[in-house]
PDB file of N, CA and C in Angstrom:
ATOM      1  N   UNK A   1      81.020 104.217 117.704  1.00  0.00           N
ATOM      2  CA  UNK A   1      81.662 103.921 118.960  1.00  0.00           C
ATOM      3  C   UNK A   1      80.599 104.035 120.033  1.00  0.00           C
ATOM      4  N   UNK A   2      80.543 103.018 120.882  1.00  0.00           N
ATOM      5  CA  UNK A   2      79.578 103.014 121.971  1.00  0.00           C
ATOM      6  C   UNK A   2      80.286 102.745 123.289  1.00  0.00           C
ATOM      7  N   UNK A   3      79.674 103.215 124.353  1.00  0.00           N
ATOM      8  CA  UNK A   3      80.203 103.036 125.702  1.00  0.00           C
ATOM      9  C   UNK A   3      79.799 101.647 126.200  1.00  0.00           C
ATOM     10  N   UNK A   4      80.712 100.713 126.155  1.00  0.00           N
ATOM     11  CA  UNK A   4      80.420  99.332 126.552  1.00  0.00           C
ATOM     12  C   UNK A   4      80.162  99.203 128.041  1.00  0.00           C
ATOM     13  N   UNK A   5      80.561 100.199 128.822  1.00  0.00           N
ATOM     14  CA  UNK A   5      80.363 100.123 130.266  1.00  0.00           C
ATOM     15  C   UNK A   5      78.982 100.632 130.690  1.00  0.00           C
ATOM     16  N   UNK A   6      78.245 101.202 129.765  1.00  0.00           N
ATOM     17  CA  UNK A   6      76.935 101.756 130.096  1.00  0.00           C
ATOM     18  C   UNK A   6      75.914 100.640 130.331  1.00  0.00           C
ATOM     19  N   UNK A   7      75.135 100.743 131.396  1.00  0.00           N
ATOM     20  CA  UNK A   7      74.077  99.749 131.608  1.00  0.00           C
ATOM     21  C   UNK A   7      72.979  99.866 130.551  1.00  0.00           C
ATOM     22  N   UNK A   8      72.980 100.972 129.815  1.00  0.00           N
ATOM     23  CA  UNK A   8      71.985 101.191 128.768  1.00  0.00           C
ATOM     24  C   UNK A   8      72.585 101.028 127.369  1.00  0.00           C
ATOM     25  N   UNK A   9      73.622 100.239 127.282  1.00  0.00           N
ATOM     26  CA  UNK A   9      74.324 100.034 126.018  1.00  0.00           C
ATOM     27  C   UNK A   9      73.380  99.652 124.886  1.00  0.00           C
ATOM     28  N   UNK A  10      72.514  98.680 125.125  1.00  0.00           N
ATOM     29  CA  UNK A  10      71.628  98.207 124.054  1.00  0.00           C
ATOM     30  C   UNK A  10      70.627  99.287 123.630  1.00  0.00           C
ATOM     31  N   UNK A  11      70.205 100.111 124.574  1.00  0.00           N
ATOM     32  CA  UNK A  11      69.301 101.218 124.237  1.00  0.00           C
ATOM     33  C   UNK A  11      70.025 102.219 123.340  1.00  0.00           C
ATOM     34  N   UNK A  12      71.261 102.544 123.688  1.00  0.00           N
ATOM     35  CA  UNK A  12      72.040 103.485 122.879  1.00  0.00           C
ATOM     36  C   UNK A  12      72.268 102.939 121.472  1.00  0.00           C
ATOM     37  N   UNK A  13      72.579 101.665 121.386  1.00  0.00           N
ATOM     38  CA  UNK A  13      72.819 101.058 120.070  1.00  0.00           C
ATOM     39  C   UNK A  13      71.540 101.080 119.231  1.00  0.00           C
ATOM     40  N   UNK A  14      70.402 100.829 119.851  1.00  0.00           N
ATOM     41  CA  UNK A  14      69.127 100.864 119.132  1.00  0.00           C
ATOM     42  C   UNK A  14      68.817 102.280 118.651  1.00  0.00           C
ATOM     43  N   UNK A  15      69.119 103.273 119.474  1.00  0.00           N
ATOM     44  CA  UNK A  15      68.895 104.665 119.076  1.00  0.00           C
ATOM     45  C   UNK A  15      69.760 105.046 117.880  1.00  0.00           C
ATOM     46  N   UNK A  16      70.981 104.560 117.854  1.00  0.00           N
ATOM     47  CA  UNK A  16      71.860 104.821 116.708  1.00  0.00           C
ATOM     48  C   UNK A  16      71.269 104.204 115.446  1.00  0.00           C
ATOM     49  N   UNK A  17      70.799 102.973 115.551  1.00  0.00           N
ATOM     50  CA  UNK A  17      70.199 102.311 114.386  1.00  0.00           C
ATOM     51  C   UNK A  17      68.952 103.058 113.903  1.00  0.00           C
ATOM     52  N   UNK A  18      68.141 103.541 114.829  1.00  0.00           N
ATOM     53  CA  UNK A  18      66.951 104.304 114.445  1.00  0.00           C
ATOM     54  C   UNK A  18      67.339 105.602 113.731  1.00  0.00           C
ATOM     55  N   UNK A  19      68.378 106.256 114.224  1.00  0.00           N
ATOM     56  CA  UNK A  19      68.851 107.483 113.581  1.00  0.00           C
ATOM     57  C   UNK A  19      69.385 107.195 112.183  1.00  0.00           C
ATOM     58  N   UNK A  20      70.169 106.127 112.048  1.00  0.00           N
ATOM     59  CA  UNK A  20      70.675 105.755 110.723  1.00  0.00           C
ATOM     60  C   UNK A  20      69.529 105.438 109.771  1.00  0.00           C
ATOM     61  N   UNK A  21      68.503 104.797 110.280  1.00  0.00           N
ATOM     62  CA  UNK A  21      67.339 104.474 109.467  1.00  0.00           C
ATOM     63  C   UNK A  21      66.651 105.761 108.989  1.00  0.00           C
ATOM     64  N   UNK A  22      66.479 106.716 109.878  1.00  0.00           N
ATOM     65  CA  UNK A  22      65.858 107.993 109.499  1.00  0.00           C
ATOM     66  C   UNK A  22      66.672 108.711 108.434  1.00  0.00           C
ATOM     67  N   UNK A  23      67.982 108.513 108.456  1.00  0.00           N
ATOM     68  CA  UNK A  23      68.872 109.140 107.480  1.00  0.00           C
ATOM     69  C   UNK A  23      69.042 108.292 106.223  1.00  0.00           C
ATOM     70  N   UNK A  24      68.311 107.180 106.150  1.00  0.00           N
ATOM     71  CA  UNK A  24      68.446 106.229 105.041  1.00  0.00           C
ATOM     72  C   UNK A  24      69.888 105.775 104.891  1.00  0.00           C
ATOM     73  N   UNK A  25      70.535 105.501 106.013  1.00  0.00           N
ATOM     74  CA  UNK A  25      71.954 105.155 106.003  1.00  0.00           C
ATOM     75  C   UNK A  25      72.228 103.761 106.567  1.00  0.00           C
ATOM     76  N   UNK A  26      71.205 102.939 106.682  1.00  0.00           N
ATOM     77  CA  UNK A  26      71.420 101.603 107.254  1.00  0.00           C
ATOM     78  C   UNK A  26      72.282 100.711 106.365  1.00  0.00           C
ATOM     79  N   UNK A  27      72.294 100.999 105.072  1.00  0.00           N
ATOM     80  CA  UNK A  27      73.047 100.152 104.146  1.00  0.00           C
ATOM     81  C   UNK A  27      74.518 100.536 104.048  1.00  0.00           C
ATOM     82  N   UNK A  28      74.890 101.650 104.646  1.00  0.00           N
ATOM     83  CA  UNK A  28      76.287 102.079 104.613  1.00  0.00           C
ATOM     84  C   UNK A  28      77.091 101.185 105.552  1.00  0.00           C
ATOM     85  N   UNK A  29      78.199 100.629 105.089  1.00  0.00           N
ATOM     86  CA  UNK A  29      79.005  99.772 105.970  1.00  0.00           C
ATOM     87  C   UNK A  29      79.438 100.523 107.224  1.00  0.00           C
ATOM     88  N   UNK A  30      79.391  99.829 108.337  1.00  0.00           N
ATOM     89  CA  UNK A  30      79.793 100.429 109.602  1.00  0.00           C
ATOM     90  C   UNK A  30      80.478  99.393 110.467  1.00  0.00           C
ATOM     91  N   UNK A  31      81.233  99.887 111.400  1.00  0.00           N
ATOM     92  CA  UNK A  31      81.945  99.023 112.343  1.00  0.00           C
ATOM     93  C   UNK A  31      81.687  99.569 113.736  1.00  0.00           C
ATOM     94  N   UNK A  32      81.159  98.741 114.606  1.00  0.00           N
ATOM     95  CA  UNK A  32      80.891  99.165 115.975  1.00  0.00           C
ATOM     96  C   UNK A  32      82.130  98.940 116.820  1.00  0.00           C
ATOM     97  N   UNK A  33      82.531  99.985 117.517  1.00  0.00           N
ATOM     98  CA  UNK A  33      83.659  99.908 118.436  1.00  0.00           C
ATOM     99  C   UNK A  33      83.084  99.974 119.847  1.00  0.00           C
ATOM    100  N   UNK A  34      83.373  98.958 120.628  1.00  0.00           N
ATOM    101  CA  UNK A  34      82.896  98.883 122.010  1.00  0.00           C
ATOM    102  C   UNK A  34      83.959  99.498 122.907  1.00  0.00           C
ATOM    103  N   UNK A  35      83.809 100.783 123.189  1.00  0.00           N
ATOM    104  CA  UNK A  35      84.793 101.530 123.963  1.00  0.00           C
ATOM    105  C   UNK A  35      84.564 101.340 125.467  1.00  0.00           C
ATOM    106  N   UNK A  36      85.557 101.706 126.235  1.00  0.00           N
ATOM    107  CA  UNK A  36      85.548 101.637 127.705  1.00  0.00           C
ATOM    108  C   UNK A  36      85.503 100.206 128.224  1.00  0.00           C
ATOM    109  N   UNK A  37      86.073  99.279 127.469  1.00  0.00           N
ATOM    110  CA  UNK A  37      86.107  97.896 127.938  1.00  0.00           C
ATOM    111  C   UNK A  37      86.948  97.764 129.203  1.00  0.00           C
ATOM    112  N   UNK A  38      87.832  98.730 129.444  1.00  0.00           N
ATOM    113  CA  UNK A  38      88.625  98.713 130.670  1.00  0.00           C
ATOM    114  C   UNK A  38      87.753  98.952 131.898  1.00  0.00           C
ATOM    115  N   UNK A  39      86.546  99.492 131.695  1.00  0.00           N
ATOM    116  CA  UNK A  39      85.630  99.769 132.802  1.00  0.00           C
ATOM    117  C   UNK A  39      84.533  98.712 132.926  1.00  0.00           C
ATOM    118  N   UNK A  40      84.623  97.669 132.120  1.00  0.00           N
ATOM    119  CA  UNK A  40      83.608  96.607 132.132  1.00  0.00           C
ATOM    120  C   UNK A  40      84.094  95.455 132.994  1.00  0.00           C
ATOM    121  N   UNK A  41      83.217  94.973 133.852  1.00  0.00           N
ATOM    122  CA  UNK A  41      83.525  93.785 134.653  1.00  0.00           C
ATOM    123  C   UNK A  41      83.366  92.580 133.728  1.00  0.00           C
ATOM    124  N   UNK A  42      84.484  92.022 133.295  1.00  0.00           N
ATOM    125  CA  UNK A  42      84.450  90.964 132.277  1.00  0.00           C
ATOM    126  C   UNK A  42      83.677  89.737 132.715  1.00  0.00           C
ATOM    127  N   UNK A  43      83.639  89.459 134.005  1.00  0.00           N
ATOM    128  CA  UNK A  43      82.876  88.296 134.471  1.00  0.00           C
ATOM    129  C   UNK A  43      81.372  88.505 134.264  1.00  0.00           C
ATOM    130  N   UNK A  44      80.953  89.765 134.155  1.00  0.00           N
ATOM    131  CA  UNK A  44      79.541  90.085 133.944  1.00  0.00           C
ATOM    132  C   UNK A  44      79.215  90.381 132.480  1.00  0.00           C
ATOM    133  N   UNK A  45      80.248  90.559 131.671  1.00  0.00           N
ATOM    134  CA  UNK A  45      80.061  90.933 130.261  1.00  0.00           C
ATOM    135  C   UNK A  45      79.306  89.838 129.536  1.00  0.00           C
ATOM    136  N   UNK A  46      78.141  90.174 129.066  1.00  0.00           N
ATOM    137  CA  UNK A  46      77.316  89.217 128.333  1.00  0.00           C
ATOM    138  C   UNK A  46      76.672  88.177 129.212  1.00  0.00           C
ATOM    139  N   UNK A  47      76.620  88.410 130.529  1.00  0.00           N
ATOM    140  CA  UNK A  47      76.043  87.432 131.455  1.00  0.00           C
ATOM    141  C   UNK A  47      74.574  87.180 131.172  1.00  0.00           C
ATOM    142  N   UNK A  48      73.885  88.173 130.640  1.00  0.00           N
ATOM    143  CA  UNK A  48      72.463  88.005 130.336  1.00  0.00           C
ATOM    144  C   UNK A  48      72.245  87.395 128.950  1.00  0.00           C
ATOM    145  N   UNK A  49      73.331  86.958 128.319  1.00  0.00           N
ATOM    146  CA  UNK A  49      73.225  86.321 127.008  1.00  0.00           C
ATOM    147  C   UNK A  49      73.250  87.307 125.852  1.00  0.00           C
ATOM    148  N   UNK A  50      73.291  88.590 126.152  1.00  0.00           N
ATOM    149  CA  UNK A  50      73.312  89.614 125.110  1.00  0.00           C
ATOM    150  C   UNK A  50      74.688  90.249 125.059  1.00  0.00           C
ATOM    151  N   UNK A  51      75.442  89.830 124.090  1.00  0.00           N
ATOM    152  CA  UNK A  51      76.782  90.384 123.908  1.00  0.00           C
ATOM    153  C   UNK A  51      76.803  91.088 122.556  1.00  0.00           C
ATOM    154  N   UNK A  52      76.882  92.406 122.559  1.00  0.00           N
ATOM    155  CA  UNK A  52      76.843  93.119 121.280  1.00  0.00           C
ATOM    156  C   UNK A  52      78.067  92.797 120.434  1.00  0.00           C
ATOM    157  N   UNK A  53      77.848  92.787 119.136  1.00  0.00           N
ATOM    158  CA  UNK A  53      78.980  92.523 118.253  1.00  0.00           C
ATOM    159  C   UNK A  53      79.716  93.829 117.988  1.00  0.00           C
ATOM    160  N   UNK A  54      80.999  93.719 117.860  1.00  0.00           N
ATOM    161  CA  UNK A  54      81.834  94.870 117.605  1.00  0.00           C
ATOM    162  C   UNK A  54      83.254  94.587 118.028  1.00  0.00           C
ATOM    163  N   UNK A  55      84.098  95.565 117.849  1.00  0.00           N
ATOM    164  CA  UNK A  55      85.502  95.429 118.230  1.00  0.00           C
ATOM    165  C   UNK A  55      85.672  96.057 119.615  1.00  0.00           C
ATOM    166  N   UNK A  56      86.022  95.248 120.616  1.00  0.00           N
ATOM    167  CA  UNK A  56      86.187  95.789 121.957  1.00  0.00           C
ATOM    168  C   UNK A  56      87.521  96.518 122.107  1.00  0.00           C
ATOM    169  N   UNK A  57      87.504  97.559 122.950  1.00  0.00           N
ATOM    170  CA  UNK A  57      88.741  98.282 123.182  1.00  0.00           C
ATOM    171  C   UNK A  57      88.567  99.370 124.220  1.00  0.00           C
ATOM    172  N   UNK A  58      89.609 100.134 124.379  1.00  0.00           N
ATOM    173  CA  UNK A  58      89.599 101.237 125.329  1.00  0.00           C
ATOM    174  C   UNK A  58      90.425 102.388 124.762  1.00  0.00           C
ATOM    175  N   UNK A  59      89.771 103.524 124.563  1.00  0.00           N
ATOM    176  CA  UNK A  59      90.500 104.702 124.109  1.00  0.00           C
ATOM    177  C   UNK A  59      91.466 105.176 125.195  1.00  0.00           C
ATOM    178  N   UNK A  60      91.103 104.954 126.431  1.00  0.00           N
ATOM    179  CA  UNK A  60      91.919 105.401 127.561  1.00  0.00           C
ATOM    180  C   UNK A  60      93.235 104.631 127.654  1.00  0.00           C
ATOM    181  N   UNK A  61      93.170 103.297 127.540  1.00  0.00           N
ATOM    182  CA  UNK A  61      94.369 102.473 127.715  1.00  0.00           C
ATOM    183  C   UNK A  61      95.014 102.061 126.393  1.00  0.00           C
ATOM    184  N   UNK A  62      94.274 102.184 125.283  1.00  0.00           N
ATOM    185  CA  UNK A  62      94.793 101.734 123.998  1.00  0.00           C
ATOM    186  C   UNK A  62      94.549 100.263 123.738  1.00  0.00           C
ATOM    187  N   UNK A  63      93.985  99.569 124.722  1.00  0.00           N
ATOM    188  CA  UNK A  63      93.670  98.148 124.559  1.00  0.00           C
ATOM    189  C   UNK A  63      92.714  97.970 123.385  1.00  0.00           C
ATOM    190  N   UNK A  64      92.999  97.002 122.541  1.00  0.00           N
ATOM    191  CA  UNK A  64      92.145  96.695 121.405  1.00  0.00           C
ATOM    192  C   UNK A  64      92.443  97.492 120.153  1.00  0.00           C
ATOM    193  N   UNK A  65      93.364  98.443 120.217  1.00  0.00           N
ATOM    194  CA  UNK A  65      93.675  99.275 119.053  1.00  0.00           C
ATOM    195  C   UNK A  65      94.211  98.430 117.901  1.00  0.00           C
ATOM    196  N   UNK A  66      95.062  97.461 118.197  1.00  0.00           N
ATOM    197  CA  UNK A  66      95.587  96.585 117.138  1.00  0.00           C
ATOM    198  C   UNK A  66      94.460  95.813 116.458  1.00  0.00           C
ATOM    199  N   UNK A  67      93.532  95.300 117.247  1.00  0.00           N
ATOM    200  CA  UNK A  67      92.399  94.554 116.679  1.00  0.00           C
ATOM    201  C   UNK A  67      91.530  95.453 115.816  1.00  0.00           C
ATOM    202  N   UNK A  68      91.323  96.685 116.262  1.00  0.00           N
ATOM    203  CA  UNK A  68      90.528  97.639 115.490  1.00  0.00           C
ATOM    204  C   UNK A  68      91.203  97.935 114.162  1.00  0.00           C
ATOM    205  N   UNK A  69      92.500  98.200 114.186  1.00  0.00           N
ATOM    206  CA  UNK A  69      93.220  98.498 112.950  1.00  0.00           C
ATOM    207  C   UNK A  69      93.197  97.315 111.993  1.00  0.00           C
ATOM    208  N   UNK A  70      93.369  96.103 112.504  1.00  0.00           N
ATOM    209  CA  UNK A  70      93.326  94.904 111.655  1.00  0.00           C
ATOM    210  C   UNK A  70      91.959  94.734 111.015  1.00  0.00           C
ATOM    211  N   UNK A  71      90.902  94.989 111.786  1.00  0.00           N
ATOM    212  CA  UNK A  71      89.550  94.852 111.240  1.00  0.00           C
ATOM    213  C   UNK A  71      89.282  95.907 110.170  1.00  0.00           C
ATOM    214  N   UNK A  72      89.721  97.125 110.409  1.00  0.00           N
ATOM    215  CA  UNK A  72      89.557  98.178 109.403  1.00  0.00           C
ATOM    216  C   UNK A  72      90.311  97.836 108.124  1.00  0.00           C
ATOM    217  N   UNK A  73      91.546  97.386 108.269  1.00  0.00           N
ATOM    218  CA  UNK A  73      92.338  96.992 107.095  1.00  0.00           C
ATOM    219  C   UNK A  73      91.665  95.850 106.346  1.00  0.00           C
ATOM    220  N   UNK A  74      91.186  94.862 107.073  1.00  0.00           N
ATOM    221  CA  UNK A  74      90.527  93.712 106.448  1.00  0.00           C
ATOM    222  C   UNK A  74      89.328  94.172 105.623  1.00  0.00           C
ATOM    223  N   UNK A  75      88.527  95.031 106.205  1.00  0.00           N
ATOM    224  CA  UNK A  75      87.327  95.499 105.506  1.00  0.00           C
ATOM    225  C   UNK A  75      87.669  96.373 104.304  1.00  0.00           C
ATOM    226  N   UNK A  76      88.646  97.258 104.459  1.00  0.00           N
ATOM    227  CA  UNK A  76      89.016  98.131 103.358  1.00  0.00           C
ATOM    228  C   UNK A  76      89.639  97.357 102.203  1.00  0.00           C
ATOM    229  N   UNK A  77      90.543  96.432 102.522  1.00  0.00           N
ATOM    230  CA  UNK A  77      91.198  95.675 101.466  1.00  0.00           C
ATOM    231  C   UNK A  77      90.252  94.695 100.796  1.00  0.00           C
ATOM    232  N   UNK A  78      89.295  94.158 101.558  1.00  0.00           N
ATOM    233  CA  UNK A  78      88.305  93.269 100.955  1.00  0.00           C
ATOM    234  C   UNK A  78      87.479  94.041  99.940  1.00  0.00           C
ATOM    235  N   UNK A  79      87.068  95.264 100.310  1.00  0.00           N
ATOM    236  CA  UNK A  79      86.284  96.085  99.395  1.00  0.00           C
ATOM    237  C   UNK A  79      87.099  96.413  98.150  1.00  0.00           C
ATOM    238  N   UNK A  80      88.350  96.803  98.326  1.00  0.00           N
ATOM    239  CA  UNK A  80      89.204  97.153  97.191  1.00  0.00           C
ATOM    240  C   UNK A  80      89.417  95.944  96.288  1.00  0.00           C
ATOM    241  N   UNK A  81      89.662  94.787  96.857  1.00  0.00           N
ATOM    242  CA  UNK A  81      89.876  93.579  96.058  1.00  0.00           C
ATOM    243  C   UNK A  81      88.620  93.220  95.260  1.00  0.00           C
ATOM    244  N   UNK A  82      87.442  93.363  95.866  1.00  0.00           N
ATOM    245  CA  UNK A  82      86.204  93.068  95.154  1.00  0.00           C
ATOM    246  C   UNK A  82      85.997  94.051  94.005  1.00  0.00           C
ATOM    247  N   UNK A  83      86.312  95.331  94.257  1.00  0.00           N
ATOM    248  CA  UNK A  83      86.160  96.335  93.213  1.00  0.00           C
ATOM    249  C   UNK A  83      87.099  96.062  92.049  1.00  0.00           C
ATOM    250  N   UNK A  84      88.350  95.690  92.353  1.00  0.00           N
ATOM    251  CA  UNK A  84      89.318  95.414  91.298  1.00  0.00           C
ATOM    252  C   UNK A  84      88.941  94.183  90.502  1.00  0.00           C
ATOM    253  N   UNK A  85      88.242  93.258  91.139  1.00  0.00           N
ATOM    254  CA  UNK A  85      87.815  92.042  90.436  1.00  0.00           C
ATOM    255  C   UNK A  85      86.502  92.273  89.683  1.00  0.00           C
ATOM    256  N   UNK A  86      85.937  93.486  89.808  1.00  0.00           N
ATOM    257  CA  UNK A  86      84.692  93.788  89.114  1.00  0.00           C
ATOM    258  C   UNK A  86      83.485  93.225  89.806  1.00  0.00           C
ATOM    259  N   UNK A  87      83.601  92.914  91.096  1.00  0.00           N
ATOM    260  CA  UNK A  87      82.493  92.377  91.862  1.00  0.00           C
ATOM    261  C   UNK A  87      81.850  93.480  92.691  1.00  0.00           C
ATOM    262  N   UNK A  88      80.620  93.251  93.104  1.00  0.00           N
ATOM    263  CA  UNK A  88      79.935  94.225  93.963  1.00  0.00           C
ATOM    264  C   UNK A  88      80.641  94.299  95.308  1.00  0.00           C
ATOM    265  N   UNK A  89      80.702  95.481  95.908  1.00  0.00           N
ATOM    266  CA  UNK A  89      81.373  95.638  97.209  1.00  0.00           C
ATOM    267  C   UNK A  89      80.737  94.890  98.311  1.00  0.00           C
TER     268      UNK A  89
END
């Protein structure tokens, strides 16, 4: 989960990736949640051409919770279906 309203969002995301790399955890599946979207000026969101990928939402307002749950379910069920079919996750 990252603070989408932070002007240093990309720096924070890079630091997380560096930490995961140090822990040899880059290959572990992860889902980025872009929190505090209620505090983001949408007209400016991605104006510089850099829009981070992830599920947008707000813990404060609950906005995006349905999308987050659907994405989690999709990923979990896809993994389970692949495992049951004898395929790599």
